[in-house]
Amino acid sequence: MLIEVYTSESAILRTQKLAAMKSEAELQPYIDITKVYVSDSLERINLYGKHAIASFAEGDELKLLTLGLKRFTKFDLVNTTRLRRNIADRMIEANGYCF
């Protein structure tokens, strides 16, 4: 879970760094990539948390910890399908990996 947090933070910081060097239009694909990665990472963190809790908790403790996990891994939904298509379109246009 910590690795997911670390890599997500790194992706966000890298995109913020690029924001200072690129125009808004040039930056958009990087923002899309970051949003997709962070969204997927949050899903993995939630799953890993469920597995961890289920491995040591039962009954009321399990319910309480699951509610806590749900609270701390809540995030806004992102249309990753649209973002992935935008990224793929950009790569098709460039006829290769362009990031």
PDB file of N, CA and C in Angstrom:
ATOM      1  N   MET A   1       0.823  -1.180   0.000  1.00  0.00           N
ATOM      2  CA  MET A   1       0.000   0.000   0.000  1.00  0.00           C
ATOM      3  C   MET A   1       0.877   1.257   0.000  1.00  0.00           C
ATOM      4  N   LEU A   2       1.964   1.200   0.746  1.00  0.00           N
ATOM      5  CA  LEU A   2       2.854   2.362   0.789  1.00  0.00           C
ATOM      6  C   LEU A   2       3.530   2.608  -0.554  1.00  0.00           C
ATOM      7  N   ILE A   3       3.859   1.549  -1.249  1.00  0.00           N
ATOM      8  CA  ILE A   3       4.461   1.712  -2.573  1.00  0.00           C
ATOM      9  C   ILE A   3       3.478   2.403  -3.510  1.00  0.00           C
ATOM     10  N   GLU A   4       2.201   2.044  -3.429  1.00  0.00           N
ATOM     11  CA  GLU A   4       1.176   2.692  -4.254  1.00  0.00           C
ATOM     12  C   GLU A   4       1.074   4.179  -3.931  1.00  0.00           C
ATOM     13  N   VAL A   5       1.109   4.517  -2.655  1.00  0.00           N
ATOM     14  CA  VAL A   5       1.050   5.919  -2.243  1.00  0.00           C
ATOM     15  C   VAL A   5       2.273   6.662  -2.774  1.00  0.00           C
ATOM     16  N   TYR A   6       3.437   6.046  -2.624  1.00  0.00           N
ATOM     17  CA  TYR A   6       4.687   6.675  -3.077  1.00  0.00           C
ATOM     18  C   TYR A   6       4.687   6.906  -4.589  1.00  0.00           C
ATOM     19  N   THR A   7       4.316   5.896  -5.363  1.00  0.00           N
ATOM     20  CA  THR A   7       4.341   6.051  -6.819  1.00  0.00           C
ATOM     21  C   THR A   7       3.275   7.037  -7.297  1.00  0.00           C
ATOM     22  N   SER A   8       2.138   7.059  -6.626  1.00  0.00           N
ATOM     23  CA  SER A   8       1.098   8.033  -6.989  1.00  0.00           C
ATOM     24  C   SER A   8       1.578   9.454  -6.716  1.00  0.00           C
ATOM     25  N   GLU A   9       2.191   9.646  -5.546  1.00  0.00           N
ATOM     26  CA  GLU A   9       2.721  10.964  -5.222  1.00  0.00           C
ATOM     27  C   GLU A   9       3.799  11.375  -6.235  1.00  0.00           C
ATOM     28  N   SER A  10       4.647  10.445  -6.613  1.00  0.00           N
ATOM     29  CA  SER A  10       5.696  10.735  -7.596  1.00  0.00           C
ATOM     30  C   SER A  10       5.106  11.142  -8.932  1.00  0.00           C
ATOM     31  N   ALA A  11       4.050  10.447  -9.358  1.00  0.00           N
ATOM     32  CA  ALA A  11       3.395  10.788 -10.629  1.00  0.00           C
ATOM     33  C   ALA A  11       2.793  12.194 -10.566  1.00  0.00           C
ATOM     34  N   ILE A  12       2.157  12.506  -9.452  1.00  0.00           N
ATOM     35  CA  ILE A  12       1.551  13.833  -9.283  1.00  0.00           C
ATOM     36  C   ILE A  12       2.623  14.917  -9.288  1.00  0.00           C
ATOM     37  N   LEU A  13       3.695  14.697  -8.543  1.00  0.00           N
ATOM     38  CA  LEU A  13       4.773  15.698  -8.479  1.00  0.00           C
ATOM     39  C   LEU A  13       5.445  15.876  -9.832  1.00  0.00           C
ATOM     40  N   ARG A  14       5.614  14.793 -10.554  1.00  0.00           N
ATOM     41  CA  ARG A  14       6.223  14.876 -11.897  1.00  0.00           C
ATOM     42  C   ARG A  14       5.337  15.690 -12.836  1.00  0.00           C
ATOM     43  N   THR A  15       4.037  15.478 -12.761  1.00  0.00           N
ATOM     44  CA  THR A  15       3.105  16.219 -13.604  1.00  0.00           C
ATOM     45  C   THR A  15       3.100  17.696 -13.215  1.00  0.00           C
ATOM     46  N   GLN A  16       3.170  17.980 -11.929  1.00  0.00           N
ATOM     47  CA  GLN A  16       3.244  19.373 -11.479  1.00  0.00           C
ATOM     48  C   GLN A  16       4.523  20.039 -11.989  1.00  0.00           C
ATOM     49  N   LYS A  17       5.609  19.306 -12.001  1.00  0.00           N
ATOM     50  CA  LYS A  17       6.878  19.836 -12.502  1.00  0.00           C
ATOM     51  C   LYS A  17       6.773  20.133 -14.005  1.00  0.00           C
ATOM     52  N   LEU A  18       6.119  19.239 -14.742  1.00  0.00           N
ATOM     53  CA  LEU A  18       5.926  19.456 -16.181  1.00  0.00           C
ATOM     54  C   LEU A  18       5.036  20.663 -16.458  1.00  0.00           C
ATOM     55  N   ALA A  19       4.131  20.961 -15.537  1.00  0.00           N
ATOM     56  CA  ALA A  19       3.207  22.087 -15.716  1.00  0.00           C
ATOM     57  C   ALA A  19       3.968  23.403 -15.854  1.00  0.00           C
ATOM     58  N   ALA A  20       5.122  23.498 -15.234  1.00  0.00           N
ATOM     59  CA  ALA A  20       5.930  24.711 -15.318  1.00  0.00           C
ATOM     60  C   ALA A  20       6.668  24.822 -16.642  1.00  0.00           C
ATOM     61  N   MET A  21       6.777  23.698 -17.372  1.00  0.00           N
ATOM     62  CA  MET A  21       7.574  23.685 -18.603  1.00  0.00           C
ATOM     63  C   MET A  21       6.739  23.590 -19.874  1.00  0.00           C
ATOM     64  N   LYS A  22       5.482  23.196 -19.766  1.00  0.00           N
ATOM     65  CA  LYS A  22       4.670  22.942 -20.955  1.00  0.00           C
ATOM     66  C   LYS A  22       3.418  23.801 -20.956  1.00  0.00           C
ATOM     67  N   SER A  23       2.877  23.996 -22.143  1.00  0.00           N
ATOM     68  CA  SER A  23       1.608  24.711 -22.248  1.00  0.00           C
ATOM     69  C   SER A  23       0.484  23.794 -21.769  1.00  0.00           C
ATOM     70  N   GLU A  24      -0.690  24.373 -21.578  1.00  0.00           N
ATOM     71  CA  GLU A  24      -1.829  23.588 -21.089  1.00  0.00           C
ATOM     72  C   GLU A  24      -2.187  22.459 -22.051  1.00  0.00           C
ATOM     73  N   ALA A  25      -2.144  22.727 -23.352  1.00  0.00           N
ATOM     74  CA  ALA A  25      -2.474  21.700 -24.352  1.00  0.00           C
ATOM     75  C   ALA A  25      -1.439  20.578 -24.350  1.00  0.00           C
ATOM     76  N   GLU A  26      -0.165  20.919 -24.203  1.00  0.00           N
ATOM     77  CA  GLU A  26       0.898  19.908 -24.159  1.00  0.00           C
ATOM     78  C   GLU A  26       0.851  19.094 -22.869  1.00  0.00           C
ATOM     79  N   LEU A  27       0.374  19.708 -21.800  1.00  0.00           N
ATOM     80  CA  LEU A  27       0.346  19.061 -20.501  1.00  0.00           C
ATOM     81  C   LEU A  27      -0.823  18.089 -20.342  1.00  0.00           C
ATOM     82  N   GLN A  28      -1.906  18.291 -21.084  1.00  0.00           N
ATOM     83  CA  GLN A  28      -3.126  17.516 -20.880  1.00  0.00           C
ATOM     84  C   GLN A  28      -2.923  15.995 -20.931  1.00  0.00           C
ATOM     85  N   PRO A  29      -2.162  15.448 -21.872  1.00  0.00           N
ATOM     86  CA  PRO A  29      -1.963  13.990 -21.866  1.00  0.00           C
ATOM     87  C   PRO A  29      -1.290  13.491 -20.586  1.00  0.00           C
ATOM     88  N   TYR A  30      -0.387  14.272 -20.033  1.00  0.00           N
ATOM     89  CA  TYR A  30       0.292  13.884 -18.792  1.00  0.00           C
ATOM     90  C   TYR A  30      -0.671  13.923 -17.603  1.00  0.00           C
ATOM     91  N   ILE A  31      -1.565  14.893 -17.628  1.00  0.00           N
ATOM     92  CA  ILE A  31      -2.601  14.956 -16.591  1.00  0.00           C
ATOM     93  C   ILE A  31      -3.503  13.734 -16.696  1.00  0.00           C
ATOM     94  N   ASP A  32      -3.874  13.374 -17.928  1.00  0.00           N
ATOM     95  CA  ASP A  32      -4.719  12.189 -18.136  1.00  0.00           C
ATOM     96  C   ASP A  32      -4.031  10.923 -17.629  1.00  0.00           C
ATOM     97  N   ILE A  33      -2.766  10.773 -17.954  1.00  0.00           N
ATOM     98  CA  ILE A  33      -2.005   9.598 -17.514  1.00  0.00           C
ATOM     99  C   ILE A  33      -1.956   9.547 -15.982  1.00  0.00           C
ATOM    100  N   THR A  34      -1.712  10.675 -15.374  1.00  0.00           N
ATOM    101  CA  THR A  34      -1.632  10.736 -13.908  1.00  0.00           C
ATOM    102  C   THR A  34      -2.972  10.396 -13.277  1.00  0.00           C
ATOM    103  N   LYS A  35      -4.055  10.932 -13.824  1.00  0.00           N
ATOM    104  CA  LYS A  35      -5.382  10.635 -13.277  1.00  0.00           C
ATOM    105  C   LYS A  35      -5.699   9.142 -13.378  1.00  0.00           C
ATOM    106  N   VAL A  36      -5.373   8.531 -14.509  1.00  0.00           N
ATOM    107  CA  VAL A  36      -5.615   7.095 -14.679  1.00  0.00           C
ATOM    108  C   VAL A  36      -4.781   6.306 -13.673  1.00  0.00           C
ATOM    109  N   TYR A  37      -3.515   6.646 -13.555  1.00  0.00           N
ATOM    110  CA  TYR A  37      -2.645   5.903 -12.645  1.00  0.00           C
ATOM    111  C   TYR A  37      -3.118   6.019 -11.199  1.00  0.00           C
ATOM    112  N   VAL A  38      -3.420   7.232 -10.771  1.00  0.00           N
ATOM    113  CA  VAL A  38      -3.836   7.444  -9.380  1.00  0.00           C
ATOM    114  C   VAL A  38      -5.171   6.754  -9.114  1.00  0.00           C
ATOM    115  N   SER A  39      -6.092   6.807 -10.056  1.00  0.00           N
ATOM    116  CA  SER A  39      -7.378   6.125  -9.889  1.00  0.00           C
ATOM    117  C   SER A  39      -7.177   4.622  -9.731  1.00  0.00           C
ATOM    118  N   ASP A  40      -6.370   4.040 -10.590  1.00  0.00           N
ATOM    119  CA  ASP A  40      -6.084   2.607 -10.496  1.00  0.00           C
ATOM    120  C   ASP A  40      -5.353   2.276  -9.198  1.00  0.00           C
ATOM    121  N   SER A  41      -4.447   3.146  -8.793  1.00  0.00           N
ATOM    122  CA  SER A  41      -3.691   2.935  -7.566  1.00  0.00           C
ATOM    123  C   SER A  41      -4.609   2.966  -6.339  1.00  0.00           C
ATOM    124  N   LEU A  42      -5.546   3.876  -6.324  1.00  0.00           N
ATOM    125  CA  LEU A  42      -6.489   3.933  -5.204  1.00  0.00           C
ATOM    126  C   LEU A  42      -7.332   2.672  -5.121  1.00  0.00           C
ATOM    127  N   GLU A  43      -7.702   2.122  -6.263  1.00  0.00           N
ATOM    128  CA  GLU A  43      -8.435   0.854  -6.276  1.00  0.00           C
ATOM    129  C   GLU A  43      -7.581  -0.264  -5.686  1.00  0.00           C
ATOM    130  N   ARG A  44      -6.301  -0.295  -6.057  1.00  0.00           N
ATOM    131  CA  ARG A  44      -5.405  -1.327  -5.525  1.00  0.00           C
ATOM    132  C   ARG A  44      -5.195  -1.160  -4.029  1.00  0.00           C
ATOM    133  N   ILE A  45      -5.042   0.077  -3.579  1.00  0.00           N
ATOM    134  CA  ILE A  45      -4.867   0.334  -2.146  1.00  0.00           C
ATOM    135  C   ILE A  45      -6.081  -0.171  -1.378  1.00  0.00           C
ATOM    136  N   ASN A  46      -7.265   0.119  -1.890  1.00  0.00           N
ATOM    137  CA  ASN A  46      -8.489  -0.344  -1.241  1.00  0.00           C
ATOM    138  C   ASN A  46      -8.519  -1.868  -1.175  1.00  0.00           C
ATOM    139  N   LEU A  47      -8.179  -2.524  -2.266  1.00  0.00           N
ATOM    140  CA  LEU A  47      -8.171  -3.985  -2.314  1.00  0.00           C
ATOM    141  C   LEU A  47      -7.149  -4.568  -1.339  1.00  0.00           C
ATOM    142  N   TYR A  48      -5.936  -4.004  -1.332  1.00  0.00           N
ATOM    143  CA  TYR A  48      -4.907  -4.494  -0.422  1.00  0.00           C
ATOM    144  C   TYR A  48      -5.339  -4.306   1.030  1.00  0.00           C
ATOM    145  N   GLY A  49      -5.993  -3.201   1.314  1.00  0.00           N
ATOM    146  CA  GLY A  49      -6.492  -2.954   2.656  1.00  0.00           C
ATOM    147  C   GLY A  49      -7.525  -3.982   3.077  1.00  0.00           C
ATOM    148  N   LYS A  50      -8.438  -4.309   2.164  1.00  0.00           N
ATOM    149  CA  LYS A  50      -9.451  -5.332   2.457  1.00  0.00           C
ATOM    150  C   LYS A  50      -8.794  -6.673   2.753  1.00  0.00           C
ATOM    151  N   HIS A  51      -7.804  -7.029   1.954  1.00  0.00           N
ATOM    152  CA  HIS A  51      -7.100  -8.295   2.177  1.00  0.00           C
ATOM    153  C   HIS A  51      -6.396  -8.299   3.522  1.00  0.00           C
ATOM    154  N   ALA A  52      -5.755  -7.182   3.861  1.00  0.00           N
ATOM    155  CA  ALA A  52      -5.039  -7.101   5.133  1.00  0.00           C
ATOM    156  C   ALA A  52      -6.006  -7.204   6.310  1.00  0.00           C
ATOM    157  N   ILE A  53      -7.092  -6.464   6.255  1.00  0.00           N
ATOM    158  CA  ILE A  53      -8.069  -6.489   7.351  1.00  0.00           C
ATOM    159  C   ILE A  53      -8.679  -7.876   7.509  1.00  0.00           C
ATOM    160  N   ALA A  54      -9.022  -8.479   6.389  1.00  0.00           N
ATOM    161  CA  ALA A  54      -9.640  -9.814   6.445  1.00  0.00           C
ATOM    162  C   ALA A  54      -8.684 -10.861   7.007  1.00  0.00           C
ATOM    163  N   SER A  55      -7.391 -10.618   6.920  1.00  0.00           N
ATOM    164  CA  SER A  55      -6.422 -11.607   7.393  1.00  0.00           C
ATOM    165  C   SER A  55      -6.287 -11.639   8.917  1.00  0.00           C
ATOM    166  N   PHE A  56      -6.713 -10.577   9.612  1.00  0.00           N
ATOM    167  CA  PHE A  56      -6.534 -10.585  11.063  1.00  0.00           C
ATOM    168  C   PHE A  56      -7.762 -10.182  11.877  1.00  0.00           C
ATOM    169  N   ALA A  57      -8.825  -9.693  11.229  1.00  0.00           N
ATOM    170  CA  ALA A  57      -9.978  -9.216  11.997  1.00  0.00           C
ATOM    171  C   ALA A  57     -11.210 -10.074  11.717  1.00  0.00           C
ATOM    172  N   GLU A  58     -12.104 -10.081  12.696  1.00  0.00           N
ATOM    173  CA  GLU A  58     -13.363 -10.817  12.566  1.00  0.00           C
ATOM    174  C   GLU A  58     -14.469 -10.025  13.247  1.00  0.00           C
ATOM    175  N   GLY A  59     -15.694 -10.339  12.908  1.00  0.00           N
ATOM    176  CA  GLY A  59     -16.861  -9.795  13.588  1.00  0.00           C
ATOM    177  C   GLY A  59     -16.943  -8.283  13.556  1.00  0.00           C
ATOM    178  N   ASP A  60     -17.206  -7.691  14.735  1.00  0.00           N
ATOM    179  CA  ASP A  60     -17.381  -6.240  14.840  1.00  0.00           C
ATOM    180  C   ASP A  60     -16.107  -5.479  14.485  1.00  0.00           C
ATOM    181  N   GLU A  61     -14.970  -6.037  14.858  1.00  0.00           N
ATOM    182  CA  GLU A  61     -13.701  -5.392  14.523  1.00  0.00           C
ATOM    183  C   GLU A  61     -13.520  -5.327  13.005  1.00  0.00           C
ATOM    184  N   LEU A  62     -13.882  -6.401  12.320  1.00  0.00           N
ATOM    185  CA  LEU A  62     -13.807  -6.432  10.855  1.00  0.00           C
ATOM    186  C   LEU A  62     -14.697  -5.352  10.254  1.00  0.00           C
ATOM    187  N   LYS A  63     -15.912  -5.243  10.752  1.00  0.00           N
ATOM    188  CA  LYS A  63     -16.845  -4.227  10.237  1.00  0.00           C
ATOM    189  C   LYS A  63     -16.298  -2.817  10.485  1.00  0.00           C
ATOM    190  N   LEU A  64     -15.800  -2.580  11.681  1.00  0.00           N
ATOM    191  CA  LEU A  64     -15.280  -1.262  12.033  1.00  0.00           C
ATOM    192  C   LEU A  64     -14.072  -0.885  11.168  1.00  0.00           C
ATOM    193  N   LEU A  65     -13.147  -1.807  11.017  1.00  0.00           N
ATOM    194  CA  LEU A  65     -11.959  -1.533  10.201  1.00  0.00           C
ATOM    195  C   LEU A  65     -12.320  -1.358   8.726  1.00  0.00           C
ATOM    196  N   THR A  66     -13.289  -2.122   8.256  1.00  0.00           N
ATOM    197  CA  THR A  66     -13.732  -1.984   6.868  1.00  0.00           C
ATOM    198  C   THR A  66     -14.366  -0.615   6.636  1.00  0.00           C
ATOM    199  N   LEU A  67     -15.137  -0.144   7.596  1.00  0.00           N
ATOM    200  CA  LEU A  67     -15.711   1.204   7.484  1.00  0.00           C
ATOM    201  C   LEU A  67     -14.612   2.263   7.468  1.00  0.00           C
ATOM    202  N   GLY A  68     -13.596   2.085   8.315  1.00  0.00           N
ATOM    203  CA  GLY A  68     -12.471   3.015   8.324  1.00  0.00           C
ATOM    204  C   GLY A  68     -11.733   3.018   6.999  1.00  0.00           C
ATOM    205  N   LEU A  69     -11.516   1.834   6.447  1.00  0.00           N
ATOM    206  CA  LEU A  69     -10.856   1.729   5.142  1.00  0.00           C
ATOM    207  C   LEU A  69     -11.663   2.446   4.076  1.00  0.00           C
ATOM    208  N   LYS A  70     -12.960   2.224   4.095  1.00  0.00           N
ATOM    209  CA  LYS A  70     -13.842   2.862   3.113  1.00  0.00           C
ATOM    210  C   LYS A  70     -13.752   4.384   3.234  1.00  0.00           C
ATOM    211  N   ARG A  71     -13.716   4.871   4.457  1.00  0.00           N
ATOM    212  CA  ARG A  71     -13.654   6.317   4.680  1.00  0.00           C
ATOM    213  C   ARG A  71     -12.346   6.915   4.172  1.00  0.00           C
ATOM    214  N   PHE A  72     -11.243   6.242   4.437  1.00  0.00           N
ATOM    215  CA  PHE A  72      -9.936   6.801   4.098  1.00  0.00           C
ATOM    216  C   PHE A  72      -9.480   6.497   2.670  1.00  0.00           C
ATOM    217  N   THR A  73     -10.209   5.656   1.958  1.00  0.00           N
ATOM    218  CA  THR A  73      -9.861   5.394   0.550  1.00  0.00           C
ATOM    219  C   THR A  73     -10.944   5.900  -0.390  1.00  0.00           C
ATOM    220  N   LYS A  74     -11.798   6.783   0.114  1.00  0.00           N
ATOM    221  CA  LYS A  74     -12.859   7.358  -0.724  1.00  0.00           C
ATOM    222  C   LYS A  74     -12.241   8.346  -1.711  1.00  0.00           C
ATOM    223  N   PHE A  75     -12.688   8.300  -2.946  1.00  0.00           N
ATOM    224  CA  PHE A  75     -12.195   9.233  -3.950  1.00  0.00           C
ATOM    225  C   PHE A  75     -13.258   9.438  -5.015  1.00  0.00           C
ATOM    226  N   ASP A  76     -13.149  10.550  -5.730  1.00  0.00           N
ATOM    227  CA  ASP A  76     -14.082  10.848  -6.809  1.00  0.00           C
ATOM    228  C   ASP A  76     -13.820   9.908  -7.971  1.00  0.00           C
ATOM    229  N   LEU A  77     -14.888   9.436  -8.576  1.00  0.00           N
ATOM    230  CA  LEU A  77     -14.746   8.553  -9.733  1.00  0.00           C
ATOM    231  C   LEU A  77     -14.193   9.319 -10.921  1.00  0.00           C
ATOM    232  N   VAL A  78     -13.382   8.646 -11.690  1.00  0.00           N
ATOM    233  CA  VAL A  78     -12.757   9.223 -12.877  1.00  0.00           C
ATOM    234  C   VAL A  78     -13.129   8.344 -14.060  1.00  0.00           C
ATOM    235  N   ASN A  79     -13.468   8.963 -15.180  1.00  0.00           N
ATOM    236  CA  ASN A  79     -13.788   8.203 -16.382  1.00  0.00           C
ATOM    237  C   ASN A  79     -12.478   7.757 -17.034  1.00  0.00           C
ATOM    238  N   THR A  80     -11.928   6.671 -16.522  1.00  0.00           N
ATOM    239  CA  THR A  80     -10.636   6.207 -17.024  1.00  0.00           C
ATOM    240  C   THR A  80     -10.729   5.671 -18.445  1.00  0.00           C
ATOM    241  N   THR A  81     -11.911   5.214 -18.846  1.00  0.00           N
ATOM    242  CA  THR A  81     -12.078   4.735 -20.219  1.00  0.00           C
ATOM    243  C   THR A  81     -11.834   5.872 -21.204  1.00  0.00           C
ATOM    244  N   ARG A  82     -12.437   7.033 -20.946  1.00  0.00           N
ATOM    245  CA  ARG A  82     -12.247   8.191 -21.828  1.00  0.00           C
ATOM    246  C   ARG A  82     -10.794   8.640 -21.807  1.00  0.00           C
ATOM    247  N   LEU A  83     -10.205   8.690 -20.619  1.00  0.00           N
ATOM    248  CA  LEU A  83      -8.815   9.132 -20.507  1.00  0.00           C
ATOM    249  C   LEU A  83      -7.871   8.174 -21.222  1.00  0.00           C
ATOM    250  N   ARG A  84      -8.108   6.874 -21.082  1.00  0.00           N
ATOM    251  CA  ARG A  84      -7.264   5.891 -21.773  1.00  0.00           C
ATOM    252  C   ARG A  84      -7.387   6.037 -23.289  1.00  0.00           C
ATOM    253  N   ARG A  85      -8.596   6.321 -23.756  1.00  0.00           N
ATOM    254  CA  ARG A  85      -8.786   6.543 -25.202  1.00  0.00           C
ATOM    255  C   ARG A  85      -8.034   7.785 -25.665  1.00  0.00           C
ATOM    256  N   ASN A  86      -8.080   8.847 -24.863  1.00  0.00           N
ATOM    257  CA  ASN A  86      -7.329  10.060 -25.217  1.00  0.00           C
ATOM    258  C   ASN A  86      -5.830   9.764 -25.308  1.00  0.00           C
ATOM    259  N   ILE A  87      -5.326   9.007 -24.356  1.00  0.00           N
ATOM    260  CA  ILE A  87      -3.902   8.648 -24.348  1.00  0.00           C
ATOM    261  C   ILE A  87      -3.578   7.791 -25.573  1.00  0.00           C
ATOM    262  N   ALA A  88      -4.427   6.809 -25.851  1.00  0.00           N
ATOM    263  CA  ALA A  88      -4.207   5.928 -27.012  1.00  0.00           C
ATOM    264  C   ALA A  88      -4.270   6.718 -28.314  1.00  0.00           C
ATOM    265  N   ASP A  89      -5.209   7.638 -28.422  1.00  0.00           N
ATOM    266  CA  ASP A  89      -5.309   8.464 -29.630  1.00  0.00           C
ATOM    267  C   ASP A  89      -4.047   9.271 -29.851  1.00  0.00           C
ATOM    268  N   ARG A  90      -3.506   9.784 -28.777  1.00  0.00           N
ATOM    269  CA  ARG A  90      -2.268  10.566 -28.864  1.00  0.00           C
ATOM    270  C   ARG A  90      -1.107   9.689 -29.355  1.00  0.00           C
ATOM    271  N   MET A  91      -1.041   8.451 -28.864  1.00  0.00           N
ATOM    272  CA  MET A  91       0.020   7.532 -29.277  1.00  0.00           C
ATOM    273  C   MET A  91      -0.172   7.078 -30.719  1.00  0.00           C
ATOM    274  N   ILE A  92      -1.408   6.861 -31.123  1.00  0.00           N
ATOM    275  CA  ILE A  92      -1.688   6.476 -32.511  1.00  0.00           C
ATOM    276  C   ILE A  92      -1.298   7.606 -33.447  1.00  0.00           C
ATOM    277  N   GLU A  93      -1.634   8.824 -33.062  1.00  0.00           N
ATOM    278  CA  GLU A  93      -1.276   9.990 -33.857  1.00  0.00           C
ATOM    279  C   GLU A  93       0.230  10.126 -34.013  1.00  0.00           C
ATOM    280  N   ALA A  94       0.968   9.827 -32.950  1.00  0.00           N
ATOM    281  CA  ALA A  94       2.433   9.924 -32.984  1.00  0.00           C
ATOM    282  C   ALA A  94       3.066   8.676 -33.597  1.00  0.00           C
ATOM    283  N   ASN A  95       2.257   7.632 -33.800  1.00  0.00           N
ATOM    284  CA  ASN A  95       2.722   6.364 -34.361  1.00  0.00           C
ATOM    285  C   ASN A  95       3.792   5.716 -33.487  1.00  0.00           C
ATOM    286  N   GLY A  96       3.601   5.820 -32.174  1.00  0.00           N
ATOM    287  CA  GLY A  96       4.540   5.213 -31.230  1.00  0.00           C
ATOM    288  C   GLY A  96       4.383   5.825 -29.858  1.00  0.00           C
ATOM    289  N   TYR A  97       5.266   5.424 -28.968  1.00  0.00           N
ATOM    290  CA  TYR A  97       5.240   5.975 -27.610  1.00  0.00           C
ATOM    291  C   TYR A  97       5.770   7.390 -27.646  1.00  0.00           C
ATOM    292  N   CYS A  98       4.993   8.339 -27.190  1.00  0.00           N
ATOM    293  CA  CYS A  98       5.380   9.755 -27.327  1.00  0.00           C
ATOM    294  C   CYS A  98       5.504  10.478 -25.989  1.00  0.00           C
ATOM    295  N   PHE A  99       5.559   9.739 -24.920  1.00  0.00           N
ATOM    296  CA  PHE A  99       5.625  10.383 -23.612  1.00  0.00           C
ATOM    297  C   PHE A  99       6.977  10.172 -23.019  1.00  0.00           C
TER     298      PHE A  99
END
